[in-house]
C-alpha atoms as a PDB file:
ATOM      1  CA  MET A   1     -14.814 -11.542  37.978  1.00  0.00           C
ATOM      2  CA  MET A   2     -14.615  -9.079  35.095  1.00  0.00           C
ATOM      3  CA  GLY A   3     -14.095  -6.164  37.461  1.00  0.00           C
ATOM      4  CA  ASP A   4     -14.858  -2.485  37.559  1.00  0.00           C
ATOM      5  CA  TRP A   5     -13.489  -1.572  34.136  1.00  0.00           C
ATOM      6  CA  ARG A   6     -16.968  -1.915  32.598  1.00  0.00           C
ATOM      7  CA  GLU A   7     -18.218   0.933  34.789  1.00  0.00           C
ATOM      8  CA  GLU A   8     -15.815   3.300  32.987  1.00  0.00           C
ATOM      9  CA  ALA A   9     -16.438   2.009  29.433  1.00  0.00           C
ATOM     10  CA  ALA A  10     -17.413   4.635  26.855  1.00  0.00           C
ATOM     11  CA  CYS A  11     -20.060   2.249  25.515  1.00  0.00           C
ATOM     12  CA  ARG A  12     -21.780   1.850  28.885  1.00  0.00           C
ATOM     13  CA  GLY A  13     -25.474   2.611  28.528  1.00  0.00           C
ATOM     14  CA  MET A  14     -25.413   2.543  24.723  1.00  0.00           C
ATOM     15  CA  ASP A  15     -27.649   0.237  22.694  1.00  0.00           C
ATOM     16  CA  PRO A  16     -25.973  -3.223  22.607  1.00  0.00           C
ATOM     17  CA  GLU A  17     -27.065  -3.616  18.959  1.00  0.00           C
ATOM     18  CA  LEU A  18     -24.478  -0.969  18.084  1.00  0.00           C
ATOM     19  CA  TRP A  19     -21.713  -3.253  19.382  1.00  0.00           C
ATOM     20  CA  PHE A  20     -23.203  -6.563  18.252  1.00  0.00           C
ATOM     21  CA  PRO A  21     -24.701  -5.769  14.829  1.00  0.00           C
ATOM     22  CA  MET A  22     -26.581  -8.469  12.963  1.00  0.00           C
ATOM     23  CA  GLU A  23     -25.083  -7.402   9.612  1.00  0.00           C
ATOM     24  CA  TYR A  24     -21.549  -6.313   8.765  1.00  0.00           C
ATOM     25  CA  SER A  25     -21.027  -2.734   7.599  1.00  0.00           C
ATOM     26  CA  GLN A  26     -17.573  -1.234   7.288  1.00  0.00           C
ATOM     27  CA  ASP A  27     -18.876   2.286   7.983  1.00  0.00           C
ATOM     28  CA  HIS A  28     -20.741   1.097  11.085  1.00  0.00           C
ATOM     29  CA  ASP A  29     -17.678  -0.774  12.366  1.00  0.00           C
ATOM     30  CA  THR A  30     -15.542   2.311  11.750  1.00  0.00           C
ATOM     31  CA  GLU A  31     -17.916   4.559  13.680  1.00  0.00           C
ATOM     32  CA  MET A  32     -18.131   2.166  16.634  1.00  0.00           C
ATOM     33  CA  THR A  33     -14.428   1.351  16.806  1.00  0.00           C
ATOM     34  CA  ARG A  34     -13.678   5.080  16.739  1.00  0.00           C
ATOM     35  CA  ILE A  35     -15.366   5.364  20.146  1.00  0.00           C
ATOM     36  CA  CYS A  36     -13.076   2.656  21.494  1.00  0.00           C
ATOM     37  CA  ILE A  37      -9.900   4.035  19.972  1.00  0.00           C
ATOM     38  CA  GLU A  38     -10.430   7.747  20.570  1.00  0.00           C
ATOM     39  CA  VAL A  39     -12.617   7.973  23.666  1.00  0.00           C
ATOM     40  CA  CYS A  40     -12.721   4.848  25.802  1.00  0.00           C
ATOM     41  CA  PRO A  41     -10.486   4.894  28.901  1.00  0.00           C
ATOM     42  CA  VAL A  42     -10.688   1.101  29.299  1.00  0.00           C
ATOM     43  CA  GLN A  43     -10.016  -0.011  25.718  1.00  0.00           C
ATOM     44  CA  GLU A  44      -7.128  -2.276  26.737  1.00  0.00           C
ATOM     45  CA  GLN A  45      -9.094  -3.987  29.507  1.00  0.00           C
ATOM     46  CA  CYS A  46     -11.986  -4.574  27.113  1.00  0.00           C
ATOM     47  CA  LEU A  47      -9.698  -6.108  24.501  1.00  0.00           C
ATOM     48  CA  GLU A  48      -8.017  -8.275  27.128  1.00  0.00           C
ATOM     49  CA  ALA A  49     -11.404  -9.536  28.366  1.00  0.00           C
ATOM     50  CA  ALA A  50     -12.543 -10.309  24.815  1.00  0.00           C
ATOM     51  CA  LEU A  51      -9.418 -12.347  24.111  1.00  0.00           C
ATOM     52  CA  GLU A  52      -9.567 -14.106  27.476  1.00  0.00           C
ATOM     53  CA  ASN A  53     -13.232 -15.033  26.965  1.00  0.00           C
ATOM     54  CA  VAL A  54     -12.750 -15.873  23.264  1.00  0.00           C
ATOM     55  CA  GLU A  55     -15.536 -13.492  22.225  1.00  0.00           C
ATOM     56  CA  LYS A  56     -16.600 -14.408  18.711  1.00  0.00           C
ATOM     57  CA  ARG A  57     -19.146 -11.692  18.125  1.00  0.00           C
ATOM     58  CA  GLY A  58     -19.192  -7.939  18.406  1.00  0.00           C
ATOM     59  CA  ILE A  59     -16.759  -5.071  18.671  1.00  0.00           C
ATOM     60  CA  TRP A  60     -14.382  -5.266  21.630  1.00  0.00           C
ATOM     61  CA  GLY A  61     -11.561  -2.890  22.514  1.00  0.00           C
ATOM     62  CA  GLY A  62     -11.705  -1.230  19.107  1.00  0.00           C
ATOM     63  CA  PHE A  63     -11.482  -4.463  17.122  1.00  0.00           C
ATOM     64  CA  THR A  64     -14.138  -6.192  15.050  1.00  0.00           C
ATOM     65  CA  GLN A  65     -14.878  -9.892  15.393  1.00  0.00           C
ATOM     66  CA  ALA A  66     -12.756 -10.694  12.347  1.00  0.00           C
ATOM     67  CA  GLU A  67      -9.828  -8.661  13.697  1.00  0.00           C
ATOM     68  CA  LEU A  68     -10.127 -10.379  17.087  1.00  0.00           C
ATOM     69  CA  LYS A  69      -9.849 -13.697  15.286  1.00  0.00           C
ATOM     70  CA  GLY A  70      -6.681 -12.404  13.620  1.00  0.00           C
ATOM     71  CA  ILE A  71      -5.226 -11.561  17.026  1.00  0.00           C
ATOM     72  CA  ARG A  72      -6.144 -14.959  18.482  1.00  0.00           C
ATOM     73  CA  THR A  73      -4.627 -16.817  15.532  1.00  0.00           C
ATOM     74  CA  LYS A  74      -1.602 -14.478  15.436  1.00  0.00           C
ATOM     75  CA  ARG A  75      -2.249 -13.379  11.849  1.00  0.00           C
ATOM     76  CA  PHE A  76      -0.949  -9.875  11.349  1.00  0.00           C
ATOM     77  CA  SER A  77      -0.058  -7.739   8.385  1.00  0.00           C
ATOM     78  CA  ARG A  78       1.363  -4.248   7.955  1.00  0.00           C
ATOM     79  CA  CYS A  79      -0.845  -1.297   7.089  1.00  0.00           C
ATOM     80  CA  LYS A  80      -0.019  -0.173   3.561  1.00  0.00           C
ATOM     81  CA  LYS A  81      -0.569   3.462   4.538  1.00  0.00           C
ATOM     82  CA  CYS A  82       1.230   3.933   7.886  1.00  0.00           C
ATOM     83  CA  GLY A  83       3.158   0.668   8.370  1.00  0.00           C
ATOM     84  CA  ARG A  84       1.493  -0.208  11.703  1.00  0.00           C
ATOM     85  CA  ARG A  85       1.118  -3.928  12.483  1.00  0.00           C
ATOM     86  CA  TRP A  86      -2.557  -4.809  12.420  1.00  0.00           C
ATOM     87  CA  PRO A  87      -4.539  -8.037  12.890  1.00  0.00           C
ATOM     88  CA  LYS A  88      -5.401  -9.579   9.570  1.00  0.00           C
ATOM     89  CA  ALA A  89      -9.162 -10.071   9.478  1.00  0.00           C
ATOM     90  CA  ARG A  90      -9.370 -12.383   6.478  1.00  0.00           C
ATOM     91  CA  LEU A  91      -7.138 -13.635   3.730  1.00  0.00           C
ATOM     92  CA  THR A  92      -8.552 -10.842   1.563  1.00  0.00           C
ATOM     93  CA  SER A  93      -8.778  -8.284   4.380  1.00  0.00           C
ATOM     94  CA  HIS A  94      -8.231  -4.570   4.165  1.00  0.00           C
ATOM     95  CA  THR A  95      -4.734  -3.367   3.446  1.00  0.00           C
ATOM     96  CA  THR A  96      -5.004  -0.516   5.957  1.00  0.00           C
ATOM     97  CA  CYS A  97      -5.348  -0.478   9.748  1.00  0.00           C
ATOM     98  CA  ARG A  98      -8.429   0.745  11.619  1.00  0.00           C
ATOM     99  CA  PRO A  99      -7.002   4.230  12.450  1.00  0.00           C
ATOM    100  CA  CYS A 100      -6.162   4.785   8.774  1.00  0.00           C
ATOM    101  CA  ARG A 101      -9.651   3.593   7.787  1.00  0.00           C
ATOM    102  CA  ILE A 102     -11.110   6.104  10.273  1.00  0.00           C
ATOM    103  CA  GLU A 103      -9.119   8.858   8.547  1.00  0.00           C
ATOM    104  CA  GLU A 104     -10.397   7.663   5.140  1.00  0.00           C
ATOM    105  CA  TYR A 105     -13.965   7.550   6.483  1.00  0.00           C
ATOM    106  CA  ASP A 106     -13.637  11.122   7.822  1.00  0.00           C
ATOM    107  CA  ALA A 107     -12.308  12.338   4.492  1.00  0.00           C
ATOM    108  CA  ARG A 108     -15.368  10.881   2.702  1.00  0.00           C
ATOM    109  CA  ASN A 109     -17.878  12.351   5.165  1.00  0.00           C
END
């Protein structure tokens, strides 16, 4: 059983389309993952459940579907800005980690 962690999730009660978008948008992913990273008290449990269930769609525990694939396949790279290890989403993925992309997004908006 998945357990009680879902009851405490920051995304509870929000529109599922926000977490399982039909089209990719870096700004959308950044806004949604920010909730996981900065607000959600059960981020780790969510990520663990996504990896355990091999979720292939959506945003889980602050990671996009491409980043989750990077974690599952053990493909990591270092963020060019802060040096943090981060799951490599694609062969031509971003060179910065999600927290650094959130900072960049904030600076633009």
